[in-house]
Amino acid sequence: MDKVRIDKWLWAARFFKTRSLAKTAIDGGKVHADGQRVKASKEIMVGQVLTIRQGWDEKDVEVLGLSDKRGPAPVAQQLYQETPESIAKREAEAEKRKVMRGIDLMPEQRPTKKQRRQIHRFREQDYSG
């Protein structure tokens, strides 16, 4: 086997639980092959680089093997290898999200009457200067 449909490969490599989810992601522009947007029927070969966006993560993976049958996870992991740059980028983004999670954007309580008056005065100011 020297070529396989990208939707079948993504399913067999366990990036998506079903082929229809893989097709939906491909149609939504979440999967690129060699930097180009693809269709579900696109055939991929060993050595191609795929960019796959899932939630917050974006993975760049190199195709090492082809399969159109879904097997156990250890076998599926041998079908691809994530690039070191992609791993570093994903870890940096995860660290950023973890830091941002600690920042509380909402106040802990409602403004007092005095604070509310200050807010109203501030909003009603004329900025024509």
Protein backbone atom coordinates (compact mmCIF):
# COMPACT_ATOMS: atom_id res chain seq x y z
CA MET A 1 0.00 0.00 0.00
CA ASP A 2 1.66 3.23 -1.15
CA LYS A 3 -1.29 5.65 -0.82
CA VAL A 4 -4.31 5.91 1.48
CA ARG A 5 -7.14 8.41 1.88
CA ILE A 6 -6.36 11.04 4.50
CA ASP A 7 -9.67 10.59 6.36
CA LYS A 8 -9.04 6.84 6.70
CA TRP A 9 -5.44 7.43 7.82
CA LEU A 10 -6.44 9.98 10.48
CA TRP A 11 -9.00 7.50 11.79
CA ALA A 12 -6.53 4.58 11.72
CA ALA A 13 -3.83 6.69 13.43
CA ARG A 14 -6.40 7.47 16.16
CA PHE A 15 -6.47 11.23 15.77
CA PHE A 16 -10.26 10.98 15.47
CA LYS A 17 -12.68 8.46 16.93
CA THR A 18 -14.71 8.05 13.73
CA ARG A 19 -14.11 8.65 10.04
CA SER A 20 -17.00 11.09 9.95
CA LEU A 21 -15.30 13.20 12.66
CA ALA A 22 -12.10 13.11 10.59
CA LYS A 23 -14.03 14.20 7.50
CA THR A 24 -15.72 17.03 9.43
CA ALA A 25 -12.33 18.28 10.65
CA ILE A 26 -10.89 18.10 7.13
CA ASP A 27 -13.88 19.94 5.64
CA GLY A 28 -13.56 22.56 8.39
CA GLY A 29 -9.97 23.33 7.38
CA LYS A 30 -8.42 21.79 10.49
CA VAL A 31 -6.14 19.46 8.51
CA HIS A 32 -3.44 20.53 6.05
CA ALA A 33 -1.03 18.36 4.06
CA ASP A 34 2.32 19.96 3.20
CA GLY A 35 0.87 23.37 4.05
CA GLN A 36 -2.15 23.02 1.74
CA ARG A 37 -5.77 22.57 2.75
CA VAL A 38 -7.03 19.12 1.67
CA LYS A 39 -10.22 17.23 0.96
CA ALA A 40 -11.17 13.96 2.68
CA SER A 41 -10.49 11.96 -0.49
CA LYS A 42 -6.89 13.23 -0.79
CA GLU A 43 -4.42 10.36 -0.83
CA ILE A 44 -1.34 10.72 1.34
CA MET A 45 2.02 9.00 1.14
CA VAL A 46 4.82 8.18 3.56
CA GLY A 47 6.97 11.23 4.26
CA GLN A 48 4.25 13.85 3.99
CA VAL A 49 3.86 16.38 6.79
CA LEU A 50 0.33 16.93 8.11
CA THR A 51 -0.84 19.80 10.31
CA ILE A 52 -3.76 18.79 12.51
CA ARG A 53 -5.64 21.22 14.76
CA GLN A 54 -7.63 19.69 17.62
CA GLY A 55 -9.06 22.07 20.19
CA TRP A 56 -6.22 24.23 21.49
CA ASP A 57 -3.50 22.00 20.05
CA GLU A 58 -1.93 22.13 16.62
CA LYS A 59 0.27 19.17 15.74
CA ASP A 60 2.71 18.83 12.85
CA VAL A 61 3.19 15.13 12.18
CA GLU A 62 5.24 13.25 9.62
CA VAL A 63 3.60 10.18 8.09
CA LEU A 64 5.83 7.15 8.76
CA GLY A 65 3.40 4.39 7.79
CA LEU A 66 0.09 3.88 6.04
CA SER A 67 -2.97 2.01 7.20
CA ASP A 68 -6.66 2.13 6.42
CA LYS A 69 -7.57 -0.23 9.26
CA ARG A 70 -7.88 0.92 12.86
CA GLY A 71 -5.75 -1.14 15.22
CA PRO A 72 -4.49 -0.91 18.78
CA ALA A 73 -3.05 2.41 20.01
CA PRO A 74 0.62 1.25 20.12
CA VAL A 75 0.40 0.23 16.46
CA ALA A 76 -1.34 3.49 15.53
CA GLN A 77 1.42 5.55 17.18
CA GLN A 78 3.97 3.95 14.84
CA LEU A 79 2.17 5.44 11.81
CA TYR A 80 3.39 8.98 12.56
CA GLN A 81 5.95 11.06 14.41
CA GLU A 82 5.31 14.56 15.72
CA THR A 83 8.03 17.06 14.82
CA PRO A 84 10.18 18.40 17.71
CA GLU A 85 9.22 21.99 16.80
CA SER A 86 5.54 21.08 17.07
CA ILE A 87 6.04 19.48 20.48
CA ALA A 88 7.90 22.54 21.78
CA LYS A 89 5.25 24.90 20.40
CA ARG A 90 2.40 22.89 21.94
CA GLU A 91 4.11 22.78 25.33
CA ALA A 92 4.75 26.55 25.23
CA GLU A 93 1.09 27.23 24.37
CA ALA A 94 -0.07 24.91 27.17
CA GLU A 95 2.19 26.75 29.62
CA LYS A 96 0.72 30.09 28.49
CA ARG A 97 -2.80 28.78 29.02
CA LYS A 98 -1.85 27.48 32.46
CA VAL A 99 -0.49 30.92 33.46
CA MET A 100 -3.56 32.70 32.07
CA ARG A 101 -5.83 30.40 34.04
CA GLY A 102 -4.42 31.87 37.26
CA ILE A 103 -5.42 35.40 36.27
CA ASP A 104 -8.89 36.20 37.58
CA LEU A 105 -10.68 38.50 35.13
CA MET A 106 -13.89 38.80 37.14
CA PRO A 107 -14.08 40.68 40.44
CA GLU A 108 -14.84 38.61 43.50
CA GLN A 109 -17.87 40.70 44.45
CA ARG A 110 -20.25 43.29 43.05
CA PRO A 111 -19.18 46.94 43.19
CA THR A 112 -20.33 48.92 46.20
CA LYS A 113 -22.60 51.94 45.81
CA LYS A 114 -19.59 54.28 45.97
CA GLN A 115 -17.69 52.26 43.34
CA ARG A 116 -20.77 52.18 41.10
CA ARG A 117 -21.03 55.98 41.24
CA GLN A 118 -17.35 56.25 40.29
CA ILE A 119 -17.92 53.91 37.35
CA HIS A 120 -20.92 55.97 36.17
CA ARG A 121 -18.93 59.23 36.47
CA PHE A 122 -16.05 57.71 34.54
CA ARG A 123 -18.29 56.49 31.72
CA GLU A 124 -20.13 59.82 31.44
CA GLN A 125 -16.93 61.88 31.09
CA ASP A 126 -16.52 63.89 27.92
CA TYR A 127 -13.34 62.80 26.13
CA SER A 128 -13.32 65.65 23.61
CA GLY A 129 -10.50 67.12 25.71
